[in-house]
PDB file of all heavy atoms in Angstrom:
ATOM      1  N   LYS A   1      88.002  93.113  28.108  1.00  0.00           N
ATOM      2  CA  LYS A   1      87.236  93.588  29.235  1.00  0.00           C
ATOM      3  C   LYS A   1      87.965  94.688  29.951  1.00  0.00           C
ATOM      4  O   LYS A   1      87.385  95.667  30.439  1.00  0.00           O
ATOM      5  CB  LYS A   1      86.925  92.489  30.228  1.00  0.00           C
ATOM      6  CG  LYS A   1      86.082  92.870  31.425  1.00  0.00           C
ATOM      7  CD  LYS A   1      85.837  91.702  32.313  1.00  0.00           C
ATOM      8  CE  LYS A   1      85.060  92.098  33.590  1.00  0.00           C
ATOM      9  NZ  LYS A   1      84.826  90.933  34.471  1.00  0.00           N
ATOM     10  N   ASN A   2      89.306  94.600  30.013  1.00  0.00           N
ATOM     11  CA  ASN A   2      90.123  95.580  30.700  1.00  0.00           C
ATOM     12  C   ASN A   2      90.560  96.760  29.891  1.00  0.00           C
ATOM     13  O   ASN A   2      91.406  97.555  30.279  1.00  0.00           O
ATOM     14  CB  ASN A   2      91.357  94.846  31.305  1.00  0.00           C
ATOM     15  CG  ASN A   2      91.010  93.883  32.385  1.00  0.00           C
ATOM     16  OD1 ASN A   2      90.005  94.043  33.096  1.00  0.00           O
ATOM     17  ND2 ASN A   2      91.810  92.834  32.540  1.00  0.00           N
ATOM     18  N   GLY A   3      89.963  96.915  28.678  1.00  0.00           N
ATOM     19  CA  GLY A   3      90.175  98.141  27.937  1.00  0.00           C
ATOM     20  C   GLY A   3      90.927  98.044  26.647  1.00  0.00           C
ATOM     21  O   GLY A   3      90.965  98.976  25.861  1.00  0.00           O
ATOM     22  N   ALA A   4      91.521  96.858  26.330  1.00  0.00           N
ATOM     23  CA  ALA A   4      92.208  96.706  25.042  1.00  0.00           C
ATOM     24  C   ALA A   4      91.184  96.536  23.972  1.00  0.00           C
ATOM     25  O   ALA A   4      90.090  95.992  24.207  1.00  0.00           O
ATOM     26  CB  ALA A   4      93.142  95.480  25.080  1.00  0.00           C
ATOM     27  N   LYS A   5      91.449  97.059  22.799  1.00  0.00           N
ATOM     28  CA  LYS A   5      90.546  96.895  21.638  1.00  0.00           C
ATOM     29  C   LYS A   5      90.871  95.516  21.000  1.00  0.00           C
ATOM     30  O   LYS A   5      92.044  95.285  20.671  1.00  0.00           O
ATOM     31  CB  LYS A   5      90.747  98.023  20.683  1.00  0.00           C
ATOM     32  CG  LYS A   5      89.718  97.998  19.506  1.00  0.00           C
ATOM     33  CD  LYS A   5      89.919  99.239  18.634  1.00  0.00           C
ATOM     34  CE  LYS A   5      88.889  99.307  17.529  1.00  0.00           C
ATOM     35  NZ  LYS A   5      89.064 100.498  16.637  1.00  0.00           N
ATOM     36  N   VAL A   6      89.880  94.690  20.819  1.00  0.00           N
ATOM     37  CA  VAL A   6      90.093  93.379  20.203  1.00  0.00           C
ATOM     38  C   VAL A   6      89.144  93.272  19.027  1.00  0.00           C
ATOM     39  O   VAL A   6      87.920  93.406  19.128  1.00  0.00           O
ATOM     40  CB  VAL A   6      89.833  92.224  21.233  1.00  0.00           C
ATOM     41  CG1 VAL A   6      90.023  90.881  20.544  1.00  0.00           C
ATOM     42  CG2 VAL A   6      90.732  92.368  22.426  1.00  0.00           C
ATOM     43  N   ILE A   7      89.720  92.987  17.882  1.00  0.00           N
ATOM     44  CA  ILE A   7      88.973  92.839  16.614  1.00  0.00           C
ATOM     45  C   ILE A   7      89.240  91.444  16.071  1.00  0.00           C
ATOM     46  O   ILE A   7      90.405  91.047  15.838  1.00  0.00           O
ATOM     47  CB  ILE A   7      89.430  93.924  15.593  1.00  0.00           C
ATOM     48  CG1 ILE A   7      89.177  95.303  16.153  1.00  0.00           C
ATOM     49  CG2 ILE A   7      88.684  93.705  14.263  1.00  0.00           C
ATOM     50  CD1 ILE A   7      89.792  96.427  15.356  1.00  0.00           C
ATOM     51  N   PHE A   8      88.173  90.711  15.829  1.00  0.00           N
ATOM     52  CA  PHE A   8      88.209  89.342  15.297  1.00  0.00           C
ATOM     53  C   PHE A   8      87.770  89.331  13.860  1.00  0.00           C
ATOM     54  O   PHE A   8      86.651  89.709  13.547  1.00  0.00           O
ATOM     55  CB  PHE A   8      87.307  88.443  16.181  1.00  0.00           C
ATOM     56  CG  PHE A   8      87.144  87.038  15.709  1.00  0.00           C
ATOM     57  CD1 PHE A   8      88.191  86.354  15.031  1.00  0.00           C
ATOM     58  CD2 PHE A   8      85.985  86.354  15.938  1.00  0.00           C
ATOM     59  CE1 PHE A   8      88.071  85.037  14.614  1.00  0.00           C
ATOM     60  CE2 PHE A   8      85.827  85.044  15.495  1.00  0.00           C
ATOM     61  CZ  PHE A   8      86.862  84.375  14.827  1.00  0.00           C
ATOM     62  N   VAL A   9      88.695  88.921  12.959  1.00  0.00           N
ATOM     63  CA  VAL A   9      88.380  88.753  11.560  1.00  0.00           C
ATOM     64  C   VAL A   9      88.366  87.248  11.271  1.00  0.00           C
ATOM     65  O   VAL A   9      89.421  86.607  11.143  1.00  0.00           O
ATOM     66  CB  VAL A   9      89.449  89.447  10.674  1.00  0.00           C
ATOM     67  CG1 VAL A   9      89.199  89.247   9.192  1.00  0.00           C
ATOM     68  CG2 VAL A   9      89.577  90.944  11.025  1.00  0.00           C
ATOM     69  N   PRO A  10      87.188  86.638  11.201  1.00  0.00           N
ATOM     70  CA  PRO A  10      87.114  85.166  11.023  1.00  0.00           C
ATOM     71  C   PRO A  10      87.754  84.661   9.764  1.00  0.00           C
ATOM     72  O   PRO A  10      87.814  85.342   8.720  1.00  0.00           O
ATOM     73  CB  PRO A  10      85.593  84.881  10.983  1.00  0.00           C
ATOM     74  CG  PRO A  10      84.960  86.094  11.632  1.00  0.00           C
ATOM     75  CD  PRO A  10      85.840  87.240  11.225  1.00  0.00           C
ATOM     76  N   GLY A  11      88.291  83.462   9.839  1.00  0.00           N
ATOM     77  CA  GLY A  11      88.920  82.765   8.709  1.00  0.00           C
ATOM     78  C   GLY A  11      88.030  81.691   8.176  1.00  0.00           C
ATOM     79  O   GLY A  11      86.911  81.550   8.562  1.00  0.00           O
ATOM     80  N   ASN A  12      88.616  80.800   7.341  1.00  0.00           N
ATOM     81  CA  ASN A  12      87.814  79.702   6.774  1.00  0.00           C
ATOM     82  C   ASN A  12      87.581  78.604   7.825  1.00  0.00           C
ATOM     83  O   ASN A  12      86.541  77.942   7.814  1.00  0.00           O
ATOM     84  CB  ASN A  12      88.471  79.156   5.536  1.00  0.00           C
ATOM     85  CG  ASN A  12      89.932  78.803   5.710  1.00  0.00           C
ATOM     86  OD1 ASN A  12      90.756  79.651   6.071  1.00  0.00           O
ATOM     87  ND2 ASN A  12      90.305  77.543   5.409  1.00  0.00           N
ATOM     88  N   HIS A  13      88.521  78.408   8.767  1.00  0.00           N
ATOM     89  CA  HIS A  13      88.347  77.353   9.747  1.00  0.00           C
ATOM     90  C   HIS A  13      87.368  77.779  10.875  1.00  0.00           C
ATOM     91  O   HIS A  13      86.765  76.895  11.541  1.00  0.00           O
ATOM     92  CB  HIS A  13      89.684  76.975  10.362  1.00  0.00           C
ATOM     93  CG  HIS A  13      90.474  76.055   9.447  1.00  0.00           C
ATOM     94  ND1 HIS A  13      90.551  74.687   9.619  1.00  0.00           N
ATOM     95  CD2 HIS A  13      91.248  76.328   8.373  1.00  0.00           C
ATOM     96  CE1 HIS A  13      91.307  74.166   8.692  1.00  0.00           C
ATOM     97  NE2 HIS A  13      91.744  75.141   7.910  1.00  0.00           N
ATOM     98  N   ASP A  14      87.188  79.096  11.075  1.00  0.00           N
ATOM     99  CA  ASP A  14      86.204  79.554  12.019  1.00  0.00           C
ATOM    100  C   ASP A  14      85.139  80.395  11.309  1.00  0.00           C
ATOM    101  O   ASP A  14      84.682  81.417  11.782  1.00  0.00           O
ATOM    102  CB  ASP A  14      86.804  80.290  13.229  1.00  0.00           C
ATOM    103  CG  ASP A  14      87.838  81.287  12.823  1.00  0.00           C
ATOM    104  OD1 ASP A  14      87.895  81.758  11.692  1.00  0.00           O
ATOM    105  OD2 ASP A  14      88.689  81.623  13.676  1.00  0.00           O
ATOM    106  N   GLU A  15      84.787  79.913  10.114  1.00  0.00           N
ATOM    107  CA  GLU A  15      83.819  80.693   9.255  1.00  0.00           C
ATOM    108  C   GLU A  15      82.461  80.738   9.902  1.00  0.00           C
ATOM    109  O   GLU A  15      81.630  81.600   9.511  1.00  0.00           O
ATOM    110  CB  GLU A  15      83.723  80.026   7.894  1.00  0.00           C
ATOM    111  CG  GLU A  15      83.264  78.629   7.860  1.00  0.00           C
ATOM    112  CD  GLU A  15      83.410  77.907   6.510  1.00  0.00           C
ATOM    113  OE1 GLU A  15      83.716  78.649   5.525  1.00  0.00           O
ATOM    114  OE2 GLU A  15      83.276  76.684   6.457  1.00  0.00           O
ATOM    115  N   PHE A  16      82.163  79.908  10.900  1.00  0.00           N
ATOM    116  CA  PHE A  16      80.890  80.021  11.613  1.00  0.00           C
ATOM    117  C   PHE A  16      80.690  81.403  12.232  1.00  0.00           C
ATOM    118  O   PHE A  16      79.554  81.890  12.364  1.00  0.00           O
ATOM    119  CB  PHE A  16      80.804  78.958  12.684  1.00  0.00           C
ATOM    120  CG  PHE A  16      81.910  79.055  13.738  1.00  0.00           C
ATOM    121  CD1 PHE A  16      81.807  79.878  14.851  1.00  0.00           C
ATOM    122  CD2 PHE A  16      83.043  78.264  13.620  1.00  0.00           C
ATOM    123  CE1 PHE A  16      82.811  79.985  15.771  1.00  0.00           C
ATOM    124  CE2 PHE A  16      84.098  78.361  14.553  1.00  0.00           C
ATOM    125  CZ  PHE A  16      83.950  79.223  15.607  1.00  0.00           C
ATOM    126  N   ALA A  17      81.788  82.077  12.552  1.00  0.00           N
ATOM    127  CA  ALA A  17      81.712  83.409  13.162  1.00  0.00           C
ATOM    128  C   ALA A  17      81.362  84.496  12.146  1.00  0.00           C
ATOM    129  O   ALA A  17      81.021  85.651  12.541  1.00  0.00           O
ATOM    130  CB  ALA A  17      83.034  83.761  13.853  1.00  0.00           C
ATOM    131  N   ARG A  18      81.437  84.169  10.867  1.00  0.00           N
ATOM    132  CA  ARG A  18      81.093  85.175   9.835  1.00  0.00           C
ATOM    133  C   ARG A  18      79.596  85.523   9.831  1.00  0.00           C
ATOM    134  O   ARG A  18      79.239  86.558   9.285  1.00  0.00           O
ATOM    135  CB  ARG A  18      81.541  84.700   8.427  1.00  0.00           C
ATOM    136  CG  ARG A  18      83.050  84.695   8.314  1.00  0.00           C
ATOM    137  CD  ARG A  18      83.562  84.109   6.973  1.00  0.00           C
ATOM    138  NE  ARG A  18      85.020  84.306   6.892  1.00  0.00           N
ATOM    139  CZ  ARG A  18      85.799  83.745   5.980  1.00  0.00           C
ATOM    140  NH1 ARG A  18      85.223  82.972   5.042  1.00  0.00           N
ATOM    141  NH2 ARG A  18      87.053  83.987   5.952  1.00  0.00           N
ATOM    142  N   GLU A  19      78.814  84.703  10.470  1.00  0.00           N
ATOM    143  CA  GLU A  19      77.397  85.036  10.634  1.00  0.00           C
ATOM    144  C   GLU A  19      77.216  86.209  11.589  1.00  0.00           C
ATOM    145  O   GLU A  19      76.117  86.838  11.628  1.00  0.00           O
ATOM    146  CB  GLU A  19      76.624  83.845  11.189  1.00  0.00           C
ATOM    147  CG  GLU A  19      76.620  82.612  10.260  1.00  0.00           C
ATOM    148  CD  GLU A  19      75.808  81.449  10.866  1.00  0.00           C
ATOM    149  OE1 GLU A  19      74.972  81.719  11.717  1.00  0.00           O
ATOM    150  OE2 GLU A  19      76.027  80.321  10.408  1.00  0.00           O
ATOM    151  N   PHE A  20      78.257  86.543  12.377  1.00  0.00           N
ATOM    152  CA  PHE A  20      78.122  87.590  13.393  1.00  0.00           C
ATOM    153  C   PHE A  20      78.967  88.796  13.073  1.00  0.00           C
ATOM    154  O   PHE A  20      79.275  89.640  13.957  1.00  0.00           O
ATOM    155  CB  PHE A  20      78.551  86.996  14.726  1.00  0.00           C
ATOM    156  CG  PHE A  20      77.868  85.750  15.102  1.00  0.00           C
ATOM    157  CD1 PHE A  20      78.497  84.494  15.064  1.00  0.00           C
ATOM    158  CD2 PHE A  20      76.461  85.752  15.456  1.00  0.00           C
ATOM    159  CE1 PHE A  20      77.856  83.318  15.385  1.00  0.00           C
ATOM    160  CE2 PHE A  20      75.844  84.542  15.758  1.00  0.00           C
ATOM    161  CZ  PHE A  20      76.523  83.381  15.750  1.00  0.00           C
ATOM    162  N   VAL A  21      79.329  88.975  11.767  1.00  0.00           N
ATOM    163  CA  VAL A  21      80.099  90.128  11.345  1.00  0.00           C
ATOM    164  C   VAL A  21      79.338  91.383  11.632  1.00  0.00           C
ATOM    165  O   VAL A  21      78.108  91.485  11.541  1.00  0.00           O
ATOM    166  CB  VAL A  21      80.418  90.040   9.836  1.00  0.00           C
ATOM    167  CG1 VAL A  21      80.813  91.375   9.269  1.00  0.00           C
ATOM    168  CG2 VAL A  21      81.505  89.001   9.578  1.00  0.00           C
ATOM    169  N   ASP A  22      80.091  92.400  12.094  1.00  0.00           N
ATOM    170  CA  ASP A  22      79.572  93.732  12.513  1.00  0.00           C
ATOM    171  C   ASP A  22      78.818  93.669  13.833  1.00  0.00           C
ATOM    172  O   ASP A  22      78.104  94.659  14.186  1.00  0.00           O
ATOM    173  CB  ASP A  22      78.668  94.309  11.404  1.00  0.00           C
ATOM    174  CG  ASP A  22      79.434  94.605  10.106  1.00  0.00           C
ATOM    175  OD1 ASP A  22      80.612  94.885  10.213  1.00  0.00           O
ATOM    176  OD2 ASP A  22      78.851  94.439   9.049  1.00  0.00           O
ATOM    177  N   MET A  23      78.997  92.624  14.567  1.00  0.00           N
ATOM    178  CA  MET A  23      78.465  92.524  15.943  1.00  0.00           C
ATOM    179  C   MET A  23      79.619  92.576  16.948  1.00  0.00           C
ATOM    180  O   MET A  23      80.784  92.420  16.567  1.00  0.00           O
ATOM    181  CB  MET A  23      77.643  91.251  16.113  1.00  0.00           C
ATOM    182  CG  MET A  23      76.434  91.162  15.241  1.00  0.00           C
ATOM    183  SD  MET A  23      75.493  89.650  15.612  1.00  0.00           S
ATOM    184  CE  MET A  23      74.202  89.758  14.378  1.00  0.00           C
ATOM    185  N   THR A  24      79.266  92.779  18.178  1.00  0.00           N
ATOM    186  CA  THR A  24      80.263  92.793  19.269  1.00  0.00           C
ATOM    187  C   THR A  24      79.840  91.813  20.354  1.00  0.00           C
ATOM    188  O   THR A  24      78.693  91.775  20.788  1.00  0.00           O
ATOM    189  CB  THR A  24      80.395  94.218  19.898  1.00  0.00           C
ATOM    190  OG1 THR A  24      80.794  95.143  18.922  1.00  0.00           O
ATOM    191  CG2 THR A  24      81.410  94.216  21.054  1.00  0.00           C
ATOM    192  N   PHE A  25      80.790  90.935  20.757  1.00  0.00           N
ATOM    193  CA  PHE A  25      80.520  89.928  21.750  1.00  0.00           C
ATOM    194  C   PHE A  25      81.602  90.024  22.834  1.00  0.00           C
ATOM    195  O   PHE A  25      82.834  89.871  22.516  1.00  0.00           O
ATOM    196  CB  PHE A  25      80.513  88.536  21.182  1.00  0.00           C
ATOM    197  CG  PHE A  25      79.372  88.291  20.221  1.00  0.00           C
ATOM    198  CD1 PHE A  25      79.545  88.513  18.846  1.00  0.00           C
ATOM    199  CD2 PHE A  25      78.118  87.894  20.666  1.00  0.00           C
ATOM    200  CE1 PHE A  25      78.526  88.305  17.980  1.00  0.00           C
ATOM    201  CE2 PHE A  25      77.066  87.653  19.793  1.00  0.00           C
ATOM    202  CZ  PHE A  25      77.266  87.875  18.415  1.00  0.00           C
ATOM    203  N   GLY A  26      81.226  90.255  24.086  1.00  0.00           N
ATOM    204  CA  GLY A  26      82.193  90.338  25.140  1.00  0.00           C
ATOM    205  C   GLY A  26      83.289  91.316  24.854  1.00  0.00           C
ATOM    206  O   GLY A  26      84.460  91.070  25.140  1.00  0.00           O
ATOM    207  N   HIS A  27      82.933  92.502  24.357  1.00  0.00           N
ATOM    208  CA  HIS A  27      83.870  93.596  24.024  1.00  0.00           C
ATOM    209  C   HIS A  27      84.762  93.241  22.816  1.00  0.00           C
ATOM    210  O   HIS A  27      85.714  93.988  22.544  1.00  0.00           O
ATOM    211  CB  HIS A  27      84.734  93.941  25.220  1.00  0.00           C
ATOM    212  CG  HIS A  27      83.953  94.262  26.507  1.00  0.00           C
ATOM    213  ND1 HIS A  27      83.337  95.469  26.676  1.00  0.00           N
ATOM    214  CD2 HIS A  27      83.711  93.492  27.604  1.00  0.00           C
ATOM    215  CE1 HIS A  27      82.732  95.441  27.888  1.00  0.00           C
ATOM    216  NE2 HIS A  27      82.948  94.282  28.438  1.00  0.00           N
ATOM    217  N   VAL A  28      84.460  92.147  22.110  1.00  0.00           N
ATOM    218  CA  VAL A  28      85.255  91.802  20.932  1.00  0.00           C
ATOM    219  C   VAL A  28      84.410  92.144  19.699  1.00  0.00           C
ATOM    220  O   VAL A  28      83.315  91.668  19.500  1.00  0.00           O
ATOM    221  CB  VAL A  28      85.599  90.324  20.942  1.00  0.00           C
ATOM    222  CG1 VAL A  28      86.310  89.896  19.655  1.00  0.00           C
ATOM    223  CG2 VAL A  28      86.503  89.974  22.116  1.00  0.00           C
ATOM    224  N   ASP A  29      84.980  92.953  18.793  1.00  0.00           N
ATOM    225  CA  ASP A  29      84.317  93.295  17.521  1.00  0.00           C
ATOM    226  C   ASP A  29      84.619  92.272  16.460  1.00  0.00           C
ATOM    227  O   ASP A  29      85.747  91.915  16.256  1.00  0.00           O
ATOM    228  CB  ASP A  29      84.796  94.677  17.058  1.00  0.00           C
ATOM    229  CG  ASP A  29      84.464  95.791  18.017  1.00  0.00           C
ATOM    230  OD1 ASP A  29      83.390  95.739  18.664  1.00  0.00           O
ATOM    231  OD2 ASP A  29      85.231  96.752  18.121  1.00  0.00           O
ATOM    232  N   VAL A  30      83.583  91.811  15.792  1.00  0.00           N
ATOM    233  CA  VAL A  30      83.717  90.824  14.701  1.00  0.00           C
ATOM    234  C   VAL A  30      83.579  91.591  13.387  1.00  0.00           C
ATOM    235  O   VAL A  30      82.560  92.224  13.134  1.00  0.00           O
ATOM    236  CB  VAL A  30      82.660  89.711  14.822  1.00  0.00           C
ATOM    237  CG1 VAL A  30      82.888  88.666  13.722  1.00  0.00           C
ATOM    238  CG2 VAL A  30      82.696  89.044  16.178  1.00  0.00           C
ATOM    239  N   LYS A  31      84.572  91.463  12.525  1.00  0.00           N
ATOM    240  CA  LYS A  31      84.592  92.169  11.252  1.00  0.00           C
ATOM    241  C   LYS A  31      85.073  91.252  10.182  1.00  0.00           C
ATOM    242  O   LYS A  31      85.960  90.429  10.401  1.00  0.00           O
ATOM    243  CB  LYS A  31      85.456  93.432  11.303  1.00  0.00           C
ATOM    244  CG  LYS A  31      85.014  94.467  12.291  1.00  0.00           C
ATOM    245  CD  LYS A  31      85.829  95.729  12.205  1.00  0.00           C
ATOM    246  CE  LYS A  31      85.390  96.777  13.195  1.00  0.00           C
ATOM    247  NZ  LYS A  31      86.147  98.049  13.045  1.00  0.00           N
ATOM    248  N   MET A  32      84.491  91.392   8.954  1.00  0.00           N
ATOM    249  CA  MET A  32      84.959  90.577   7.808  1.00  0.00           C
ATOM    250  C   MET A  32      86.392  91.022   7.416  1.00  0.00           C
ATOM    251  O   MET A  32      87.193  90.175   6.987  1.00  0.00           O
ATOM    252  CB  MET A  32      84.009  90.758   6.627  1.00  0.00           C
ATOM    253  CG  MET A  32      84.195  89.692   5.546  1.00  0.00           C
ATOM    254  SD  MET A  32      83.815  88.028   6.184  1.00  0.00           S
ATOM    255  CE  MET A  32      84.442  87.025   4.835  1.00  0.00           C
ATOM    256  N   ASN A  33      86.641  92.293   7.495  1.00  0.00           N
ATOM    257  CA  ASN A  33      87.986  92.837   7.283  1.00  0.00           C
ATOM    258  C   ASN A  33      88.015  94.211   7.942  1.00  0.00           C
ATOM    259  O   ASN A  33      86.998  94.678   8.449  1.00  0.00           O
ATOM    260  CB  ASN A  33      88.320  92.927   5.779  1.00  0.00           C
ATOM    261  CG  ASN A  33      87.293  93.705   4.994  1.00  0.00           C
ATOM    262  OD1 ASN A  33      87.113  94.920   5.184  1.00  0.00           O
ATOM    263  ND2 ASN A  33      86.561  93.002   4.112  1.00  0.00           N
ATOM    264  N   ASP A  34      89.156  94.827   7.958  1.00  0.00           N
ATOM    265  CA  ASP A  34      89.270  96.131   8.602  1.00  0.00           C
ATOM    266  C   ASP A  34      90.396  96.923   7.995  1.00  0.00           C
ATOM    267  O   ASP A  34      91.324  96.352   7.314  1.00  0.00           O
ATOM    268  CB  ASP A  34      89.527  95.936  10.114  1.00  0.00           C
ATOM    269  CG  ASP A  34      89.271  97.229  10.920  1.00  0.00           C
ATOM    270  OD1 ASP A  34      88.311  97.939  10.552  1.00  0.00           O
ATOM    271  OD2 ASP A  34      90.019  97.467  11.869  1.00  0.00           O
ATOM    272  N   ILE A  35      90.345  98.237   8.140  1.00  0.00           N
ATOM    273  CA  ILE A  35      91.457  99.086   7.750  1.00  0.00           C
ATOM    274  C   ILE A  35      92.092  99.663   8.980  1.00  0.00           C
ATOM    275  O   ILE A  35      91.409 100.323   9.772  1.00  0.00           O
ATOM    276  CB  ILE A  35      90.970 100.287   6.820  1.00  0.00           C
ATOM    277  CG1 ILE A  35      90.307  99.740   5.564  1.00  0.00           C
ATOM    278  CG2 ILE A  35      92.147 101.183   6.523  1.00  0.00           C
ATOM    279  CD1 ILE A  35      91.202  99.011   4.639  1.00  0.00           C
ATOM    280  N   HIS A  36      93.340  99.332   9.203  1.00  0.00           N
ATOM    281  CA  HIS A  36      94.083  99.793  10.386  1.00  0.00           C
ATOM    282  C   HIS A  36      95.035 100.905   9.951  1.00  0.00           C
ATOM    283  O   HIS A  36      95.752 100.781   8.999  1.00  0.00           O
ATOM    284  CB  HIS A  36      94.871  98.649  11.010  1.00  0.00           C
ATOM    285  CG  HIS A  36      95.785  99.117  12.102  1.00  0.00           C
ATOM    286  ND1 HIS A  36      95.346  99.374  13.389  1.00  0.00           N
ATOM    287  CD2 HIS A  36      97.167  99.355  12.111  1.00  0.00           C
ATOM    288  CE1 HIS A  36      96.391  99.751  14.126  1.00  0.00           C
ATOM    289  NE2 HIS A  36      97.454  99.774  13.396  1.00  0.00           N
ATOM    290  N   GLU A  37      95.012 102.003  10.712  1.00  0.00           N
ATOM    291  CA  GLU A  37      95.988 103.101  10.447  1.00  0.00           C
ATOM    292  C   GLU A  37      97.075 103.090  11.491  1.00  0.00           C
ATOM    293  O   GLU A  37      96.804 103.162  12.689  1.00  0.00           O
ATOM    294  CB  GLU A  37      95.254 104.449  10.441  1.00  0.00           C
ATOM    295  CG  GLU A  37      96.201 105.587  10.011  1.00  0.00           C
ATOM    296  CD  GLU A  37      95.468 106.895   9.772  1.00  0.00           C
ATOM    297  OE1 GLU A  37      94.260 106.812   9.452  1.00  0.00           O
ATOM    298  OE2 GLU A  37      96.115 107.917   9.875  1.00  0.00           O
ATOM    299  N   THR A  38      98.292 102.976  11.020  1.00  0.00           N
ATOM    300  CA  THR A  38      99.456 102.923  11.955  1.00  0.00           C
ATOM    301  C   THR A  38      99.731 104.292  12.515  1.00  0.00           C
ATOM    302  O   THR A  38      99.215 105.335  12.052  1.00  0.00           O
ATOM    303  CB  THR A  38     100.701 102.376  11.238  1.00  0.00           C
ATOM    304  OG1 THR A  38     101.057 103.299  10.187  1.00  0.00           O
ATOM    305  CG2 THR A  38     100.450 100.999  10.623  1.00  0.00           C
ATOM    306  N   ALA A  39     100.600 104.340  13.475  1.00  0.00           N
ATOM    307  CA  ALA A  39     100.961 105.594  14.182  1.00  0.00           C
ATOM    308  C   ALA A  39     101.577 106.592  13.205  1.00  0.00           C
ATOM    309  O   ALA A  39     101.455 107.790  13.399  1.00  0.00           O
ATOM    310  CB  ALA A  39     101.853 105.330  15.366  1.00  0.00           C
ATOM    311  N   ASP A  40     102.296 106.080  12.169  1.00  0.00           N
ATOM    312  CA  ASP A  40     102.903 106.975  11.163  1.00  0.00           C
ATOM    313  C   ASP A  40     102.053 107.155   9.929  1.00  0.00           C
ATOM    314  O   ASP A  40     102.562 107.614   8.894  1.00  0.00           O
ATOM    315  CB  ASP A  40     104.296 106.478  10.824  1.00  0.00           C
ATOM    316  CG  ASP A  40     104.314 105.061  10.230  1.00  0.00           C
ATOM    317  OD1 ASP A  40     103.208 104.457  10.188  1.00  0.00           O
ATOM    318  OD2 ASP A  40     105.387 104.571   9.818  1.00  0.00           O
ATOM    319  N   GLY A  41     100.765 106.845   9.997  1.00  0.00           N
ATOM    320  CA  GLY A  41      99.768 107.177   8.965  1.00  0.00           C
ATOM    321  C   GLY A  41      99.606 106.179   7.858  1.00  0.00           C
ATOM    322  O   GLY A  41      98.889 106.473   6.900  1.00  0.00           O
ATOM    323  N   LYS A  42     100.236 105.003   7.906  1.00  0.00           N
ATOM    324  CA  LYS A  42     100.005 103.992   6.870  1.00  0.00           C
ATOM    325  C   LYS A  42      98.635 103.316   7.081  1.00  0.00           C
ATOM    326  O   LYS A  42      98.287 102.994   8.196  1.00  0.00           O
ATOM    327  CB  LYS A  42     101.096 102.955   6.889  1.00  0.00           C
ATOM    328  CG  LYS A  42     102.472 103.441   6.527  1.00  0.00           C
ATOM    329  CD  LYS A  42     103.438 102.264   6.425  1.00  0.00           C
ATOM    330  CE  LYS A  42     104.828 102.731   5.981  1.00  0.00           C
ATOM    331  NZ  LYS A  42     105.476 103.571   7.029  1.00  0.00           N
ATOM    332  N   ARG A  43      97.943 103.075   5.978  1.00  0.00           N
ATOM    333  CA  ARG A  43      96.662 102.376   6.047  1.00  0.00           C
ATOM    334  C   ARG A  43      96.841 100.944   5.591  1.00  0.00           C
ATOM    335  O   ARG A  43      97.344 100.668   4.506  1.00  0.00           O
ATOM    336  CB  ARG A  43      95.599 103.080   5.151  1.00  0.00           C
ATOM    337  CG  ARG A  43      95.321 104.505   5.636  1.00  0.00           C
ATOM    338  CD  ARG A  43      94.405 105.260   4.707  1.00  0.00           C
ATOM    339  NE  ARG A  43      93.050 104.705   4.683  1.00  0.00           N
ATOM    340  CZ  ARG A  43      92.502 104.148   3.695  1.00  0.00           C
ATOM    341  NH1 ARG A  43      93.141 104.045   2.499  1.00  0.00           N
ATOM    342  NH2 ARG A  43      91.247 103.704   3.736  1.00  0.00           N
TER     343      ARG A  43
END
């Protein structure tokens, strides 16, 4: 809520959340997986 980016990648124990992949709840993005690029360019 205060501006940090929060990405939730559900696991097998919270697989119920996989029904909401590609949605956003309370400023939290739900994704099955993601590609993160580091400050020095690593993917």
